[in-house]
PDB file of N, CA and C in Angstrom:
ATOM      1  N   MET A   1      12.689  -6.150  19.761  1.00  0.00           N
ATOM      2  CA  MET A   1      13.034  -4.779  18.861  1.00  0.00           C
ATOM      3  C   MET A   1      13.397  -3.711  20.255  1.00  0.00           C
ATOM      4  N   VAL A   2      14.597  -3.525  19.733  1.00  0.00           N
ATOM      5  CA  VAL A   2      15.830  -2.038  20.479  1.00  0.00           C
ATOM      6  C   VAL A   2      14.889  -0.260  20.137  1.00  0.00           C
ATOM      7  N   ASN A   3      14.446   0.290  20.364  1.00  0.00           N
ATOM      8  CA  ASN A   3      13.837   1.599  19.784  1.00  0.00           C
ATOM      9  C   ASN A   3      14.501   2.622  19.239  1.00  0.00           C
ATOM     10  N   ASP A   4      16.030   2.728  19.480  1.00  0.00           N
ATOM     11  CA  ASP A   4      17.529   3.358  18.812  1.00  0.00           C
ATOM     12  C   ASP A   4      18.197   2.132  18.052  1.00  0.00           C
ATOM     13  N   CYS A   5      18.140   1.119  17.567  1.00  0.00           N
ATOM     14  CA  CYS A   5      19.191   0.512  16.545  1.00  0.00           C
ATOM     15  C   CYS A   5      18.338  -0.055  15.348  1.00  0.00           C
ATOM     16  N   VAL A   6      19.260   0.781  14.229  1.00  0.00           N
ATOM     17  CA  VAL A   6      18.677   1.370  12.916  1.00  0.00           C
ATOM     18  C   VAL A   6      18.208  -0.105  12.435  1.00  0.00           C
ATOM     19  N   PHE A   7      18.922  -1.567  12.574  1.00  0.00           N
ATOM     20  CA  PHE A   7      18.359  -2.348  12.253  1.00  0.00           C
ATOM     21  C   PHE A   7      17.302  -2.617  12.504  1.00  0.00           C
ATOM     22  N   CYS A   8      16.513  -2.837  13.797  1.00  0.00           N
ATOM     23  CA  CYS A   8      14.983  -3.200  14.130  1.00  0.00           C
ATOM     24  C   CYS A   8      13.945  -2.073  13.571  1.00  0.00           C
ATOM     25  N   ASN A   9      14.654  -1.032  13.183  1.00  0.00           N
ATOM     26  CA  ASN A   9      13.735   0.173  12.927  1.00  0.00           C
ATOM     27  C   ASN A   9      14.282   0.843  11.356  1.00  0.00           C
ATOM     28  N   LEU A  10      14.135  -0.198  10.786  1.00  0.00           N
ATOM     29  CA  LEU A  10      14.568   0.340   8.953  1.00  0.00           C
ATOM     30  C   LEU A  10      14.274   2.011   8.798  1.00  0.00           C
ATOM     31  N   GLU A  11      13.205   2.152   9.071  1.00  0.00           N
ATOM     32  CA  GLU A  11      12.808   3.872   8.564  1.00  0.00           C
ATOM     33  C   GLU A  11      13.784   4.847   9.178  1.00  0.00           C
ATOM     34  N   MET A  12      15.189   4.398  10.706  1.00  0.00           N
ATOM     35  CA  MET A  12      15.707   5.518  10.785  1.00  0.00           C
ATOM     36  C   MET A  12      16.693   5.482  10.137  1.00  0.00           C
ATOM     37  N   GLU A  13      16.894   4.655   8.841  1.00  0.00           N
ATOM     38  CA  GLU A  13      17.949   5.251   7.887  1.00  0.00           C
ATOM     39  C   GLU A  13      17.064   5.004   6.407  1.00  0.00           C
ATOM     40  N   PRO A  14      16.729   6.438   6.431  1.00  0.00           N
ATOM     41  CA  PRO A  14      15.835   6.160   5.007  1.00  0.00           C
ATOM     42  C   PRO A  14      17.076   5.735   3.645  1.00  0.00           C
ATOM     43  N   GLU A  15      18.021   5.663   3.293  1.00  0.00           N
ATOM     44  CA  GLU A  15      18.546   5.562   2.495  1.00  0.00           C
ATOM     45  C   GLU A  15      18.815   3.886   2.379  1.00  0.00           C
ATOM     46  N   GLN A  16      18.415   3.148   3.277  1.00  0.00           N
ATOM     47  CA  GLN A  16      18.494   1.685   3.387  1.00  0.00           C
ATOM     48  C   GLN A  16      17.296   1.150   3.292  1.00  0.00           C
ATOM     49  N   GLY A  17      17.438  -0.564   2.692  1.00  0.00           N
ATOM     50  CA  GLY A  17      16.204  -0.693   2.020  1.00  0.00           C
ATOM     51  C   GLY A  17      16.900  -2.712   2.221  1.00  0.00           C
ATOM     52  N   MET A  18      15.300  -3.267   2.446  1.00  0.00           N
ATOM     53  CA  MET A  18      15.710  -4.720   2.721  1.00  0.00           C
ATOM     54  C   MET A  18      15.528  -5.097   1.209  1.00  0.00           C
ATOM     55  N   ILE A  19      16.453  -6.099   0.563  1.00  0.00           N
ATOM     56  CA  ILE A  19      16.518  -6.855  -0.643  1.00  0.00           C
ATOM     57  C   ILE A  19      15.948  -7.975  -0.107  1.00  0.00           C
ATOM     58  N   LEU A  20      16.185  -8.773   0.644  1.00  0.00           N
ATOM     59  CA  LEU A  20      15.798 -10.217   1.107  1.00  0.00           C
ATOM     60  C   LEU A  20      16.014 -10.162   2.116  1.00  0.00           C
ATOM     61  N   SER A  21      14.394 -10.916   2.259  1.00  0.00           N
ATOM     62  CA  SER A  21      14.326 -11.721   3.555  1.00  0.00           C
ATOM     63  C   SER A  21      14.022 -13.448   3.778  1.00  0.00           C
ATOM     64  N   ASN A  22      14.029 -13.604   4.922  1.00  0.00           N
ATOM     65  CA  ASN A  22      13.608 -15.247   5.041  1.00  0.00           C
ATOM     66  C   ASN A  22      12.795 -14.773   6.799  1.00  0.00           C
ATOM     67  N   GLU A  23      12.577 -15.911   7.616  1.00  0.00           N
ATOM     68  CA  GLU A  23      11.325 -16.231   8.514  1.00  0.00           C
ATOM     69  C   GLU A  23      12.731 -15.434   9.684  1.00  0.00           C
ATOM     70  N   TYR A  24      13.707 -15.437   9.547  1.00  0.00           N
ATOM     71  CA  TYR A  24      14.613 -15.182  10.399  1.00  0.00           C
ATOM     72  C   TYR A  24      15.383 -13.999  10.238  1.00  0.00           C
ATOM     73  N   CYS A  25      15.746 -13.834   9.240  1.00  0.00           N
ATOM     74  CA  CYS A  25      17.561 -12.602   8.939  1.00  0.00           C
ATOM     75  C   CYS A  25      16.386 -11.816   7.918  1.00  0.00           C
ATOM     76  N   MET A  26      17.237 -10.895   7.439  1.00  0.00           N
ATOM     77  CA  MET A  26      17.234  -9.944   6.079  1.00  0.00           C
ATOM     78  C   MET A  26      18.328  -9.476   5.750  1.00  0.00           C
ATOM     79  N   PHE A  27      18.281  -9.056   4.651  1.00  0.00           N
ATOM     80  CA  PHE A  27      19.838  -8.327   3.687  1.00  0.00           C
ATOM     81  C   PHE A  27      18.977  -7.213   3.561  1.00  0.00           C
ATOM     82  N   LEU A  28      20.139  -6.320   3.939  1.00  0.00           N
ATOM     83  CA  LEU A  28      19.730  -5.210   3.914  1.00  0.00           C
ATOM     84  C   LEU A  28      21.317  -4.219   2.973  1.00  0.00           C
ATOM     85  N   GLN A  29      20.588  -2.839   2.220  1.00  0.00           N
ATOM     86  CA  GLN A  29      21.536  -2.390   1.521  1.00  0.00           C
ATOM     87  C   GLN A  29      21.161  -1.277   1.561  1.00  0.00           C
ATOM     88  N   LEU A  30      22.670  -0.003   1.481  1.00  0.00           N
ATOM     89  CA  LEU A  30      21.942   1.701   1.016  1.00  0.00           C
ATOM     90  C   LEU A  30      21.745   1.408  -0.217  1.00  0.00           C
ATOM     91  N   LYS A  31      21.053   2.268  -0.482  1.00  0.00           N
ATOM     92  CA  LYS A  31      21.032   2.906  -1.716  1.00  0.00           C
ATOM     93  C   LYS A  31      22.156   3.157  -2.713  1.00  0.00           C
ATOM     94  N   GLN A  32      23.270   3.921  -2.213  1.00  0.00           N
ATOM     95  CA  GLN A  32      24.474   3.858  -2.908  1.00  0.00           C
ATOM     96  C   GLN A  32      25.305   2.716  -2.952  1.00  0.00           C
ATOM     97  N   ALA A  33      24.885   1.310  -2.493  1.00  0.00           N
ATOM     98  CA  ALA A  33      25.416   0.228  -2.721  1.00  0.00           C
ATOM     99  C   ALA A  33      24.664  -0.315  -4.011  1.00  0.00           C
ATOM    100  N   GLN A  34      23.627   0.058  -4.410  1.00  0.00           N
ATOM    101  CA  GLN A  34      23.153  -0.214  -5.611  1.00  0.00           C
ATOM    102  C   GLN A  34      23.374   0.238  -7.117  1.00  0.00           C
ATOM    103  N   ILE A  35      23.989   1.518  -7.065  1.00  0.00           N
ATOM    104  CA  ILE A  35      24.602   2.258  -8.414  1.00  0.00           C
ATOM    105  C   ILE A  35      26.150   1.572  -8.480  1.00  0.00           C
ATOM    106  N   LYS A  36      25.686   0.863  -9.926  1.00  0.00           N
ATOM    107  CA  LYS A  36      26.604   0.483 -10.511  1.00  0.00           C
ATOM    108  C   LYS A  36      28.401   1.351 -10.695  1.00  0.00           C
ATOM    109  N   GLY A  37      29.050   0.621 -10.478  1.00  0.00           N
ATOM    110  CA  GLY A  37      30.313   1.003 -10.366  1.00  0.00           C
ATOM    111  C   GLY A  37      30.753   2.053  -8.909  1.00  0.00           C
ATOM    112  N   SER A  38      29.982   2.167  -8.032  1.00  0.00           N
ATOM    113  CA  SER A  38      30.123   2.895  -6.607  1.00  0.00           C
ATOM    114  C   SER A  38      31.323   1.993  -5.928  1.00  0.00           C
ATOM    115  N   ARG A  39      31.563   2.410  -4.935  1.00  0.00           N
ATOM    116  CA  ARG A  39      32.378   1.897  -4.343  1.00  0.00           C
ATOM    117  C   ARG A  39      32.066   0.677  -3.014  1.00  0.00           C
ATOM    118  N   LEU A  40      30.481   1.346  -3.024  1.00  0.00           N
ATOM    119  CA  LEU A  40      29.936  -0.051  -2.268  1.00  0.00           C
ATOM    120  C   LEU A  40      29.530  -1.154  -3.120  1.00  0.00           C
ATOM    121  N   GLU A  41      29.246  -1.080  -4.677  1.00  0.00           N
ATOM    122  CA  GLU A  41      28.631  -1.537  -5.324  1.00  0.00           C
ATOM    123  C   GLU A  41      28.188  -2.869  -4.639  1.00  0.00           C
ATOM    124  N   GLY A  42      27.033  -3.408  -4.293  1.00  0.00           N
ATOM    125  CA  GLY A  42      26.804  -4.809  -3.746  1.00  0.00           C
ATOM    126  C   GLY A  42      26.950  -4.865  -2.637  1.00  0.00           C
ATOM    127  N   SER A  43      27.340  -4.340  -1.807  1.00  0.00           N
ATOM    128  CA  SER A  43      27.434  -4.135  -0.340  1.00  0.00           C
ATOM    129  C   SER A  43      26.506  -4.434   0.350  1.00  0.00           C
ATOM    130  N   GLY A  44      26.417  -5.148   1.712  1.00  0.00           N
ATOM    131  CA  GLY A  44      25.029  -5.263   2.533  1.00  0.00           C
ATOM    132  C   GLY A  44      25.308  -5.620   3.242  1.00  0.00           C
ATOM    133  N   LEU A  45      24.553  -5.602   4.578  1.00  0.00           N
ATOM    134  CA  LEU A  45      24.328  -6.419   5.882  1.00  0.00           C
ATOM    135  C   LEU A  45      23.209  -7.491   5.697  1.00  0.00           C
ATOM    136  N   ILE A  46      23.587  -8.436   6.428  1.00  0.00           N
ATOM    137  CA  ILE A  46      22.291  -9.776   6.821  1.00  0.00           C
ATOM    138  C   ILE A  46      22.448  -9.781   8.324  1.00  0.00           C
ATOM    139  N   VAL A  47      21.319  -9.032   8.673  1.00  0.00           N
ATOM    140  CA  VAL A  47      20.777  -9.219  10.177  1.00  0.00           C
ATOM    141  C   VAL A  47      19.641 -10.012  10.483  1.00  0.00           C
ATOM    142  N   PRO A  48      19.681 -10.338  11.975  1.00  0.00           N
ATOM    143  CA  PRO A  48      18.392 -10.849  11.879  1.00  0.00           C
ATOM    144  C   PRO A  48      17.543 -10.236  12.617  1.00  0.00           C
ATOM    145  N   LYS A  49      16.627 -11.116  12.130  1.00  0.00           N
ATOM    146  CA  LYS A  49      14.942  -9.927  12.339  1.00  0.00           C
ATOM    147  C   LYS A  49      14.741  -9.632  14.137  1.00  0.00           C
ATOM    148  N   LYS A  50      15.364 -10.572  15.077  1.00  0.00           N
ATOM    149  CA  LYS A  50      15.422 -10.748  16.255  1.00  0.00           C
ATOM    150  C   LYS A  50      16.510  -9.713  16.757  1.00  0.00           C
ATOM    151  N   HIS A  51      16.299  -8.927  17.666  1.00  0.00           N
ATOM    152  CA  HIS A  51      17.858  -8.120  18.086  1.00  0.00           C
ATOM    153  C   HIS A  51      18.674  -8.663  18.739  1.00  0.00           C
ATOM    154  N   ARG A  52      19.891  -9.467  18.061  1.00  0.00           N
ATOM    155  CA  ARG A  52      21.079  -9.605  18.990  1.00  0.00           C
ATOM    156  C   ARG A  52      22.020  -8.609  18.725  1.00  0.00           C
ATOM    157  N   ALA A  53      22.895  -8.282  20.408  1.00  0.00           N
ATOM    158  CA  ALA A  53      23.582  -8.066  20.047  1.00  0.00           C
ATOM    159  C   ALA A  53      24.884  -8.300  19.466  1.00  0.00           C
ATOM    160  N   THR A  54      25.172  -9.981  19.533  1.00  0.00           N
ATOM    161  CA  THR A  54      26.599 -10.076  19.003  1.00  0.00           C
ATOM    162  C   THR A  54      25.857 -11.512  17.815  1.00  0.00           C
ATOM    163  N   VAL A  55      26.752 -11.771  17.077  1.00  0.00           N
ATOM    164  CA  VAL A  55      26.477 -13.322  16.634  1.00  0.00           C
ATOM    165  C   VAL A  55      26.627 -14.569  17.257  1.00  0.00           C
ATOM    166  N   PHE A  56      27.143 -14.225  18.567  1.00  0.00           N
ATOM    167  CA  PHE A  56      27.409 -15.069  19.127  1.00  0.00           C
ATOM    168  C   PHE A  56      25.625 -15.750  20.369  1.00  0.00           C
ATOM    169  N   GLU A  57      24.652 -14.712  19.990  1.00  0.00           N
ATOM    170  CA  GLU A  57      23.598 -15.006  20.684  1.00  0.00           C
ATOM    171  C   GLU A  57      22.586 -15.497  19.443  1.00  0.00           C
ATOM    172  N   LEU A  58      22.942 -15.705  18.252  1.00  0.00           N
ATOM    173  CA  LEU A  58      22.236 -16.237  17.166  1.00  0.00           C
ATOM    174  C   LEU A  58      21.631 -17.910  17.883  1.00  0.00           C
ATOM    175  N   THR A  59      20.256 -18.140  17.362  1.00  0.00           N
ATOM    176  CA  THR A  59      20.065 -19.717  17.496  1.00  0.00           C
ATOM    177  C   THR A  59      20.634 -20.172  16.323  1.00  0.00           C
ATOM    178  N   LEU A  60      20.140 -21.385  16.763  1.00  0.00           N
ATOM    179  CA  LEU A  60      20.774 -22.446  15.180  1.00  0.00           C
ATOM    180  C   LEU A  60      19.815 -22.157  14.074  1.00  0.00           C
ATOM    181  N   ASP A  61      18.546 -22.175  14.248  1.00  0.00           N
ATOM    182  CA  ASP A  61      17.994 -21.538  12.997  1.00  0.00           C
ATOM    183  C   ASP A  61      18.616 -20.449  12.640  1.00  0.00           C
ATOM    184  N   GLU A  62      18.339 -19.503  13.346  1.00  0.00           N
ATOM    185  CA  GLU A  62      18.892 -17.753  13.066  1.00  0.00           C
ATOM    186  C   GLU A  62      20.456 -18.213  11.849  1.00  0.00           C
ATOM    187  N   TRP A  63      21.436 -18.988  12.724  1.00  0.00           N
ATOM    188  CA  TRP A  63      22.386 -19.426  11.556  1.00  0.00           C
ATOM    189  C   TRP A  63      22.340 -19.806  10.221  1.00  0.00           C
ATOM    190  N   ASN A  64      21.565 -20.774  10.516  1.00  0.00           N
ATOM    191  CA  ASN A  64      21.023 -21.467   9.316  1.00  0.00           C
ATOM    192  C   ASN A  64      20.467 -20.751   8.040  1.00  0.00           C
ATOM    193  N   ALA A  65      19.238 -19.508   8.797  1.00  0.00           N
ATOM    194  CA  ALA A  65      18.875 -18.969   7.903  1.00  0.00           C
ATOM    195  C   ALA A  65      19.823 -17.826   7.262  1.00  0.00           C
ATOM    196  N   THR A  66      20.685 -17.520   8.155  1.00  0.00           N
ATOM    197  CA  THR A  66      21.328 -16.537   7.444  1.00  0.00           C
ATOM    198  C   THR A  66      22.229 -17.079   6.406  1.00  0.00           C
ATOM    199  N   TYR A  67      22.963 -18.449   6.585  1.00  0.00           N
ATOM    200  CA  TYR A  67      23.404 -18.985   5.815  1.00  0.00           C
ATOM    201  C   TYR A  67      22.831 -18.820   4.239  1.00  0.00           C
ATOM    202  N   THR A  68      21.529 -19.071   4.424  1.00  0.00           N
ATOM    203  CA  THR A  68      20.413 -19.378   3.295  1.00  0.00           C
ATOM    204  C   THR A  68      20.533 -17.969   2.745  1.00  0.00           C
ATOM    205  N   CYS A  69      20.451 -17.424   3.219  1.00  0.00           N
ATOM    206  CA  CYS A  69      19.879 -15.934   2.971  1.00  0.00           C
ATOM    207  C   CYS A  69      21.586 -15.107   1.958  1.00  0.00           C
ATOM    208  N   PHE A  70      22.708 -15.797   2.537  1.00  0.00           N
ATOM    209  CA  PHE A  70      23.729 -15.470   2.350  1.00  0.00           C
ATOM    210  C   PHE A  70      23.873 -15.983   0.746  1.00  0.00           C
ATOM    211  N   THR A  71      23.570 -17.354   0.709  1.00  0.00           N
ATOM    212  CA  THR A  71      24.018 -17.873  -0.582  1.00  0.00           C
ATOM    213  C   THR A  71      22.704 -17.743  -1.820  1.00  0.00           C
ATOM    214  N   GLN A  72      21.739 -16.992  -1.066  1.00  0.00           N
ATOM    215  CA  GLN A  72      21.057 -16.283  -2.102  1.00  0.00           C
ATOM    216  C   GLN A  72      21.515 -14.728  -2.686  1.00  0.00           C
ATOM    217  N   ILE A  73      22.337 -14.167  -1.846  1.00  0.00           N
ATOM    218  CA  ILE A  73      22.817 -13.055  -2.973  1.00  0.00           C
ATOM    219  C   ILE A  73      23.594 -12.815  -3.976  1.00  0.00           C
TER     220      ILE A  73
END
C-alpha cells in the first residue's frame, strides 16, 4: 500500500466506490459514472489490490483476476 495512492486508499476520493472485487483486483467507479445519461455512465477502473506502478508488474494471477473482473462488468 502506498499512502498517497487514491487506489490504495479509497477513502481519499469520497466520490469513488468499489462496485465489485475479487481476491486480486477491484472495479472502481465514480458516483457520476452511475448516473444514467451522464457522459461517464458505466465507466470505471479495474485496479489491483496490491499496489503496482504499471500493468507490466502484475502477476499471472492478477492478470487472470483482472480478466475475470472485466467479464463480470
